[in-house]
Amino acid sequence: GDIVLLTKPVTLTEGDRVTLTTDVPVATDGTSKPEKLLYAVSLPPVHGQIEHINYPGVPISSYSQLDVVAQKVSDVHDNSHGAGKESLR
């Protein structure tokens, strides 16, 4: 089916860590199995990285809807200047 992805900007200041929730990336694919959805990070954050909370400091390039529901994924700012809003892509 068709895939619909809605994202909201995440605002981070220097050194911040924001845990992703279903309010940030929300996707549906028209099936009854949203837990099987996988996200691929096609454009990483400019001033940081996306991380799984069990592996801090290690950038990830994909994560699942179950990871988001369980609040296991974070957007982490790298302490550089240039904090602001970023959208997940």
N, C-alpha and C. Protein backbone atom coordinates (compact mmCIF):
# COMPACT_ATOMS: atom_id res chain seq x y z
N GLY A 1 0.82 -1.19 0.00
CA GLY A 1 0.00 0.00 0.00
C GLY A 1 0.85 1.24 0.00
N ASP A 2 0.18 2.36 -0.01
CA ASP A 2 0.86 3.65 0.05
C ASP A 2 1.45 3.87 1.43
N ILE A 3 2.60 4.51 1.46
CA ILE A 3 3.25 4.84 2.73
C ILE A 3 3.10 6.33 2.97
N VAL A 4 2.68 6.69 4.18
CA VAL A 4 2.54 8.08 4.57
C VAL A 4 3.46 8.32 5.76
N LEU A 5 4.32 9.32 5.66
CA LEU A 5 5.24 9.67 6.74
C LEU A 5 5.06 11.12 7.09
N LEU A 6 4.79 11.37 8.37
CA LEU A 6 4.66 12.74 8.88
C LEU A 6 5.76 12.94 9.89
N THR A 7 6.49 14.04 9.77
CA THR A 7 7.53 14.35 10.74
C THR A 7 7.34 15.78 11.24
N LYS A 8 7.75 15.99 12.47
CA LYS A 8 7.74 17.32 13.06
C LYS A 8 9.18 17.72 13.31
N PRO A 9 9.48 19.01 13.22
CA PRO A 9 10.85 19.43 13.54
C PRO A 9 11.18 19.13 15.01
N VAL A 10 12.42 18.76 15.25
CA VAL A 10 12.92 18.54 16.59
C VAL A 10 13.84 19.71 16.90
N THR A 11 13.62 20.39 18.02
CA THR A 11 14.46 21.52 18.39
C THR A 11 15.47 21.06 19.44
N LEU A 12 16.74 21.26 19.12
CA LEU A 12 17.83 20.87 20.02
C LEU A 12 18.73 22.06 20.26
N THR A 13 19.25 22.18 21.46
CA THR A 13 20.30 23.15 21.74
C THR A 13 21.59 22.37 21.91
N GLU A 14 22.70 23.07 22.02
CA GLU A 14 24.00 22.41 22.12
C GLU A 14 24.01 21.36 23.21
N GLY A 15 24.38 20.13 22.85
CA GLY A 15 24.50 19.04 23.80
C GLY A 15 23.20 18.34 24.15
N ASP A 16 22.06 18.77 23.60
CA ASP A 16 20.77 18.15 23.91
C ASP A 16 20.65 16.75 23.34
N ARG A 17 19.78 15.99 23.97
CA ARG A 17 19.38 14.67 23.49
C ARG A 17 17.86 14.65 23.57
N VAL A 18 17.21 14.34 22.45
CA VAL A 18 15.76 14.26 22.40
C VAL A 18 15.38 12.85 22.00
N THR A 19 14.59 12.20 22.85
CA THR A 19 14.10 10.86 22.54
C THR A 19 12.94 10.98 21.57
N LEU A 20 13.01 10.23 20.49
CA LEU A 20 11.94 10.27 19.50
C LEU A 20 10.73 9.50 20.01
N THR A 21 9.57 10.08 19.79
CA THR A 21 8.31 9.44 20.15
C THR A 21 7.46 9.36 18.89
N THR A 22 6.31 8.77 19.01
CA THR A 22 5.44 8.67 17.84
C THR A 22 4.88 10.02 17.43
N ASP A 23 5.15 11.08 18.20
CA ASP A 23 4.76 12.43 17.80
C ASP A 23 5.71 12.99 16.74
N VAL A 24 6.92 12.47 16.66
CA VAL A 24 7.91 13.02 15.72
C VAL A 24 7.85 12.27 14.39
N PRO A 25 8.31 11.02 14.31
CA PRO A 25 8.07 10.31 13.05
C PRO A 25 6.83 9.45 13.19
N VAL A 26 5.85 9.67 12.37
CA VAL A 26 4.65 8.86 12.36
C VAL A 26 4.47 8.35 10.94
N ALA A 27 4.40 7.05 10.78
CA ALA A 27 4.25 6.49 9.44
C ALA A 27 3.15 5.44 9.45
N THR A 28 2.49 5.32 8.33
CA THR A 28 1.54 4.23 8.11
C THR A 28 1.77 3.72 6.70
N ASP A 29 1.48 2.46 6.51
CA ASP A 29 1.61 1.90 5.17
C ASP A 29 0.33 1.22 4.69
N GLY A 30 -0.76 1.49 5.38
CA GLY A 30 -2.04 0.95 4.96
C GLY A 30 -2.26 -0.49 5.38
N THR A 31 -1.34 -1.07 6.14
CA THR A 31 -1.54 -2.43 6.64
C THR A 31 -1.90 -2.37 8.12
N SER A 32 -2.19 -3.49 8.67
CA SER A 32 -2.50 -3.55 10.10
C SER A 32 -1.27 -3.90 10.93
N LYS A 33 -0.08 -3.75 10.36
CA LYS A 33 1.14 -4.12 11.06
C LYS A 33 2.15 -2.97 11.11
N PRO A 34 1.81 -1.86 11.79
CA PRO A 34 2.75 -0.74 11.85
C PRO A 34 4.05 -1.09 12.56
N GLU A 35 4.05 -2.12 13.40
CA GLU A 35 5.26 -2.51 14.12
C GLU A 35 6.34 -3.05 13.18
N LYS A 36 6.00 -3.35 11.95
CA LYS A 36 6.98 -3.85 10.98
C LYS A 36 7.60 -2.74 10.14
N LEU A 37 7.19 -1.51 10.38
CA LEU A 37 7.76 -0.39 9.62
C LEU A 37 9.20 -0.13 10.04
N LEU A 38 10.05 0.15 9.07
CA LEU A 38 11.44 0.51 9.32
C LEU A 38 11.69 1.89 8.75
N TYR A 39 12.45 2.70 9.48
CA TYR A 39 12.84 4.03 9.04
C TYR A 39 14.30 3.99 8.63
N ALA A 40 14.65 4.63 7.53
CA ALA A 40 16.04 4.79 7.11
C ALA A 40 16.37 6.27 7.21
N VAL A 41 17.51 6.58 7.81
CA VAL A 41 17.95 7.96 7.94
C VAL A 41 18.67 8.33 6.65
N SER A 42 17.97 9.04 5.76
CA SER A 42 18.56 9.38 4.47
C SER A 42 19.38 10.66 4.52
N LEU A 43 19.08 11.52 5.48
CA LEU A 43 19.83 12.76 5.65
C LEU A 43 20.05 12.96 7.15
N PRO A 44 21.21 12.58 7.66
CA PRO A 44 21.47 12.68 9.10
C PRO A 44 21.40 14.13 9.59
N PRO A 45 21.19 14.32 10.88
CA PRO A 45 21.20 15.68 11.43
C PRO A 45 22.53 16.37 11.12
N VAL A 46 22.46 17.67 10.89
CA VAL A 46 23.66 18.45 10.56
C VAL A 46 24.60 18.56 11.76
N HIS A 47 24.03 18.73 12.94
CA HIS A 47 24.84 18.95 14.15
C HIS A 47 24.63 17.83 15.17
N GLY A 48 24.81 16.60 14.74
CA GLY A 48 24.64 15.49 15.67
C GLY A 48 24.36 14.20 14.94
N GLN A 49 23.64 13.30 15.62
CA GLN A 49 23.36 12.00 15.03
C GLN A 49 22.14 11.38 15.69
N ILE A 50 21.61 10.36 15.01
CA ILE A 50 20.53 9.56 15.55
C ILE A 50 21.19 8.34 16.19
N GLU A 51 20.77 8.01 17.43
CA GLU A 51 21.38 6.91 18.18
C GLU A 51 20.30 6.03 18.79
N HIS A 52 20.61 4.75 18.98
CA HIS A 52 19.79 3.84 19.78
C HIS A 52 20.25 4.05 21.22
N ILE A 53 19.32 4.14 22.17
CA ILE A 53 19.73 4.48 23.54
C ILE A 53 20.58 3.39 24.19
N ASN A 54 20.53 2.17 23.70
CA ASN A 54 21.37 1.12 24.26
C ASN A 54 22.82 1.20 23.78
N TYR A 55 23.06 2.03 22.75
CA TYR A 55 24.41 2.18 22.19
C TYR A 55 24.76 3.65 22.03
N PRO A 56 24.88 4.38 23.15
CA PRO A 56 25.18 5.81 23.05
C PRO A 56 26.49 6.07 22.35
N GLY A 57 26.50 7.14 21.55
CA GLY A 57 27.70 7.53 20.83
C GLY A 57 27.87 6.85 19.48
N VAL A 58 27.01 5.89 19.17
CA VAL A 58 27.10 5.17 17.90
C VAL A 58 25.94 5.60 17.00
N PRO A 59 26.25 6.26 15.88
CA PRO A 59 25.16 6.69 14.99
C PRO A 59 24.50 5.48 14.32
N ILE A 60 23.20 5.58 14.11
CA ILE A 60 22.48 4.53 13.40
C ILE A 60 21.90 5.10 12.10
N SER A 61 21.71 4.23 11.14
CA SER A 61 21.16 4.67 9.86
C SER A 61 19.75 4.16 9.63
N SER A 62 19.24 3.34 10.57
CA SER A 62 17.87 2.86 10.47
C SER A 62 17.38 2.46 11.86
N TYR A 63 16.06 2.43 11.98
CA TYR A 63 15.42 2.01 13.23
C TYR A 63 13.99 1.63 12.92
N SER A 64 13.35 0.94 13.84
CA SER A 64 12.00 0.44 13.59
C SER A 64 10.94 1.27 14.31
N GLN A 65 9.70 1.07 13.89
CA GLN A 65 8.58 1.71 14.57
C GLN A 65 8.51 1.22 16.02
N LEU A 66 8.84 -0.06 16.25
CA LEU A 66 8.85 -0.57 17.62
C LEU A 66 9.89 0.15 18.47
N ASP A 67 11.04 0.50 17.89
CA ASP A 67 12.05 1.27 18.62
C ASP A 67 11.50 2.63 19.04
N VAL A 68 10.75 3.27 18.16
CA VAL A 68 10.16 4.57 18.46
C VAL A 68 9.11 4.44 19.56
N VAL A 69 8.23 3.46 19.42
CA VAL A 69 7.18 3.25 20.42
C VAL A 69 7.80 2.98 21.79
N ALA A 70 8.90 2.22 21.82
CA ALA A 70 9.58 1.90 23.07
C ALA A 70 10.50 3.02 23.55
N GLN A 71 10.55 4.13 22.80
CA GLN A 71 11.40 5.29 23.11
C GLN A 71 12.87 4.89 23.26
N LYS A 72 13.36 4.16 22.25
CA LYS A 72 14.74 3.67 22.22
C LYS A 72 15.64 4.43 21.26
N VAL A 73 15.10 5.48 20.59
CA VAL A 73 15.87 6.21 19.59
C VAL A 73 15.96 7.69 19.98
N SER A 74 17.15 8.25 19.88
CA SER A 74 17.36 9.65 20.24
C SER A 74 18.05 10.41 19.12
N ASP A 75 17.72 11.70 19.03
CA ASP A 75 18.44 12.65 18.20
C ASP A 75 19.38 13.36 19.16
N VAL A 76 20.67 13.28 18.93
CA VAL A 76 21.67 13.81 19.86
C VAL A 76 22.45 14.92 19.19
N HIS A 77 22.48 16.10 19.83
CA HIS A 77 23.25 17.24 19.31
C HIS A 77 24.71 17.07 19.70
N ASP A 78 25.62 17.50 18.84
CA ASP A 78 27.05 17.27 19.04
C ASP A 78 27.80 18.39 19.75
N ASN A 79 27.11 19.33 20.37
CA ASN A 79 27.72 20.44 21.11
C ASN A 79 28.30 21.53 20.21
N SER A 80 28.15 21.41 18.90
CA SER A 80 28.65 22.46 18.02
C SER A 80 27.65 23.60 17.97
N HIS A 81 28.12 24.75 17.53
CA HIS A 81 27.21 25.88 17.37
C HIS A 81 26.29 25.59 16.20
N GLY A 82 25.12 26.17 16.23
CA GLY A 82 24.20 25.96 15.13
C GLY A 82 22.99 25.16 15.53
N ALA A 83 22.66 25.18 16.82
CA ALA A 83 21.46 24.46 17.27
C ALA A 83 20.24 25.07 16.61
N GLY A 84 19.22 24.28 16.49
CA GLY A 84 17.99 24.77 15.90
C GLY A 84 17.06 23.63 15.59
N LYS A 85 16.12 23.89 14.72
CA LYS A 85 15.14 22.87 14.37
C LYS A 85 15.65 22.04 13.21
N GLU A 86 15.46 20.73 13.33
CA GLU A 86 15.80 19.81 12.26
C GLU A 86 14.64 18.86 12.08
N SER A 87 14.36 18.49 10.86
CA SER A 87 13.33 17.50 10.59
C SER A 87 14.01 16.19 10.21
N LEU A 88 13.43 15.10 10.64
CA LEU A 88 13.97 13.80 10.27
C LEU A 88 13.59 13.51 8.84
N ARG A 89 14.53 13.00 8.07
CA ARG A 89 14.29 12.66 6.65
C ARG A 89 14.85 11.31 6.37
